[in-house]
Amino acid sequence: PGCLLLQILRYLGACDRLLKQGYEEGQVEEALEMFQYSENKAAEFLRLLAQFNDMGFQQNEIKEVLLLCGNQREKALEELVMK
């Protein structure tokens, strides 16, 4: 039971920190879930998602490419441009 409580507290802390960076709640929750609650990976995903979104790429394509490329910016950008 203590271990589960600790995981919940970590999750809530990660959510709070990412929300304070200006990301939407739904996106934060989705990113944390996609990256097995790794705050660093979720934060990088959200940063790149916003960056590529600002470049005019479609959000669903960005998500797919970032997952396939493991959040590698250059590789993901190359894939998005080729689509």
C-alpha atoms as a PDB file:
ATOM      1  CA  PRO A   1       0.000   0.000   0.000  1.00  0.00           C
ATOM      2  CA  GLY A   2       2.823   2.459   0.810  1.00  0.00           C
ATOM      3  CA  CYS A   3       4.405   1.898  -2.589  1.00  0.00           C
ATOM      4  CA  LEU A   4       1.158   2.730  -4.397  1.00  0.00           C
ATOM      5  CA  LEU A   5       0.736   5.871  -2.325  1.00  0.00           C
ATOM      6  CA  LEU A   6       4.268   6.955  -3.218  1.00  0.00           C
ATOM      7  CA  GLN A   7       3.562   6.372  -6.934  1.00  0.00           C
ATOM      8  CA  ILE A   8       0.372   8.437  -6.702  1.00  0.00           C
ATOM      9  CA  LEU A   9       2.203  11.280  -4.970  1.00  0.00           C
ATOM     10  CA  ARG A  10       4.955  11.241  -7.613  1.00  0.00           C
ATOM     11  CA  TYR A  11       2.331  11.288 -10.379  1.00  0.00           C
ATOM     12  CA  LEU A  12       0.485  14.206  -8.803  1.00  0.00           C
ATOM     13  CA  GLY A  13       3.746  16.106  -8.313  1.00  0.00           C
ATOM     14  CA  ALA A  14       4.745  15.503 -11.943  1.00  0.00           C
ATOM     15  CA  CYS A  15       1.287  16.623 -13.133  1.00  0.00           C
ATOM     16  CA  ASP A  16       1.497  19.764 -11.035  1.00  0.00           C
ATOM     17  CA  ARG A  17       4.973  20.710 -12.293  1.00  0.00           C
ATOM     18  CA  LEU A  18       4.015  20.139 -15.947  1.00  0.00           C
ATOM     19  CA  LEU A  19       0.749  22.057 -15.589  1.00  0.00           C
ATOM     20  CA  LYS A  20       2.687  24.985 -14.105  1.00  0.00           C
ATOM     21  CA  GLN A  21       4.770  25.018 -17.312  1.00  0.00           C
ATOM     22  CA  GLY A  22       1.557  25.835 -19.182  1.00  0.00           C
ATOM     23  CA  TYR A  23       0.652  22.475 -20.699  1.00  0.00           C
ATOM     24  CA  GLU A  24      -2.990  21.383 -20.884  1.00  0.00           C
ATOM     25  CA  GLU A  25      -4.176  18.896 -18.277  1.00  0.00           C
ATOM     26  CA  GLY A  26      -5.335  16.305 -20.818  1.00  0.00           C
ATOM     27  CA  GLN A  27      -2.020  16.426 -22.644  1.00  0.00           C
ATOM     28  CA  VAL A  28      -0.053  16.138 -19.397  1.00  0.00           C
ATOM     29  CA  GLU A  29      -2.012  13.079 -18.297  1.00  0.00           C
ATOM     30  CA  GLU A  30      -1.688  11.466 -21.725  1.00  0.00           C
ATOM     31  CA  ALA A  31       2.053  12.136 -21.922  1.00  0.00           C
ATOM     32  CA  LEU A  32       2.708  10.746 -18.449  1.00  0.00           C
ATOM     33  CA  GLU A  33       0.721   7.632 -19.284  1.00  0.00           C
ATOM     34  CA  MET A  34       2.503   7.148 -22.638  1.00  0.00           C
ATOM     35  CA  PHE A  35       5.908   7.324 -20.993  1.00  0.00           C
ATOM     36  CA  GLN A  36       5.045   5.154 -17.991  1.00  0.00           C
ATOM     37  CA  TYR A  37       4.930   8.170 -15.693  1.00  0.00           C
ATOM     38  CA  SER A  38       8.448   9.362 -16.482  1.00  0.00           C
ATOM     39  CA  GLU A  39       8.247  13.098 -15.874  1.00  0.00           C
ATOM     40  CA  ASN A  40      11.389  13.855 -17.911  1.00  0.00           C
ATOM     41  CA  LYS A  41      10.224  11.945 -20.989  1.00  0.00           C
ATOM     42  CA  ALA A  42       6.717  13.393 -20.719  1.00  0.00           C
ATOM     43  CA  ALA A  43       8.127  16.925 -20.402  1.00  0.00           C
ATOM     44  CA  GLU A  44      10.333  16.455 -23.476  1.00  0.00           C
ATOM     45  CA  PHE A  45       7.378  15.027 -25.426  1.00  0.00           C
ATOM     46  CA  LEU A  46       5.172  17.999 -24.471  1.00  0.00           C
ATOM     47  CA  ARG A  47       7.919  20.486 -25.349  1.00  0.00           C
ATOM     48  CA  LEU A  48       8.443  18.934 -28.784  1.00  0.00           C
ATOM     49  CA  LEU A  49       4.705  18.586 -29.352  1.00  0.00           C
ATOM     50  CA  ALA A  50       4.243  22.308 -28.754  1.00  0.00           C
ATOM     51  CA  GLN A  51       7.271  23.162 -30.907  1.00  0.00           C
ATOM     52  CA  PHE A  52       6.120  21.079 -33.888  1.00  0.00           C
ATOM     53  CA  ASN A  53       2.550  22.273 -33.419  1.00  0.00           C
ATOM     54  CA  ASP A  54       3.815  25.867 -33.731  1.00  0.00           C
ATOM     55  CA  MET A  55       5.490  24.840 -37.003  1.00  0.00           C
ATOM     56  CA  GLY A  56       2.078  23.882 -38.365  1.00  0.00           C
ATOM     57  CA  PHE A  57       2.193  20.084 -38.173  1.00  0.00           C
ATOM     58  CA  GLN A  58      -0.928  18.135 -37.199  1.00  0.00           C
ATOM     59  CA  GLN A  59      -1.042  17.095 -33.543  1.00  0.00           C
ATOM     60  CA  ASN A  60      -1.983  13.450 -34.188  1.00  0.00           C
ATOM     61  CA  GLU A  61       0.920  13.078 -36.643  1.00  0.00           C
ATOM     62  CA  ILE A  62       3.315  14.721 -34.202  1.00  0.00           C
ATOM     63  CA  LYS A  63       2.338  12.337 -31.393  1.00  0.00           C
ATOM     64  CA  GLU A  64       2.745   9.304 -33.627  1.00  0.00           C
ATOM     65  CA  VAL A  65       6.154  10.392 -34.933  1.00  0.00           C
ATOM     66  CA  LEU A  66       7.481  11.372 -31.496  1.00  0.00           C
ATOM     67  CA  LEU A  67       6.524   7.981 -30.098  1.00  0.00           C
ATOM     68  CA  LEU A  68       8.117   6.159 -33.023  1.00  0.00           C
ATOM     69  CA  CYS A  69      11.281   8.268 -32.807  1.00  0.00           C
ATOM     70  CA  GLY A  70      11.556   8.141 -29.023  1.00  0.00           C
ATOM     71  CA  ASN A  71      11.371  11.940 -28.661  1.00  0.00           C
ATOM     72  CA  GLN A  72      14.422  12.455 -30.884  1.00  0.00           C
ATOM     73  CA  ARG A  73      13.815  15.943 -32.254  1.00  0.00           C
ATOM     74  CA  GLU A  74      15.825  15.792 -35.484  1.00  0.00           C
ATOM     75  CA  LYS A  75      14.593  12.345 -36.452  1.00  0.00           C
ATOM     76  CA  ALA A  76      10.988  13.311 -35.681  1.00  0.00           C
ATOM     77  CA  LEU A  77      11.248  16.533 -37.692  1.00  0.00           C
ATOM     78  CA  GLU A  78      12.633  14.606 -40.642  1.00  0.00           C
ATOM     79  CA  GLU A  79       9.699  12.174 -40.474  1.00  0.00           C
ATOM     80  CA  LEU A  80       7.145  14.972 -40.205  1.00  0.00           C
ATOM     81  CA  VAL A  81       8.595  16.814 -43.205  1.00  0.00           C
ATOM     82  CA  MET A  82       8.501  13.615 -45.280  1.00  0.00           C
ATOM     83  CA  LYS A  83       4.789  12.998 -44.531  1.00  0.00           C
END
